[in-house]
Amino acid sequence: MHGRGAVSKSADQFKLTITGEMAHGATPHHGVDAIAAALVNEVQKVVSREMPVAAGAVITIGTIHGGEATNIICPSVVMQGTTRTCSQECRALLSKRMRELAEGVAPGPRRGIRNKSRVSIRPATAPDCVKPPRATWSSVLTL
């Protein structure tokens, strides 16, 4: 193999926090639900509908934590995961779309409740490894 291009995918970790307003289950209209299950499906659509197949893009939501009791409107949810791709352009687009989608599903103000919603995505980047034009597999593996 003497081609050039990505040898490994970038790996960016993200932590997404959605904050709503806690309320008792008997009075849900007094709260703002932070559960954003729709986000899990929407981010997968970014890969399947917006990324070139050759980019090898992957979004993994590995953990979802939220809620403390079955009768309480969940006040906050934390989702963590990774995005991976072989293309710097797709990498930037994945980050942009994740933020847009997260902000789109975050609960907004309603019925006079002050908006406490926060969405934060904090990437910890590991760039993709690109093989130089004249490199061989053995030279790349020893870098």
Foldseek 3Di string as FASTA:
>chain_A
DQAWFFPFKKKKKKKKKWFKAKDFLVCCVVIWARDQPVLVVVLVCCVVPPDDVQFVKDWDFDDKDWDDDPGMRTGMIMTMTIIITRDPVVVVVSVVVSVVSSVVRHTADDPPDHGPTDIDIDIDIDHTDIDDNRDDPVVSVVD
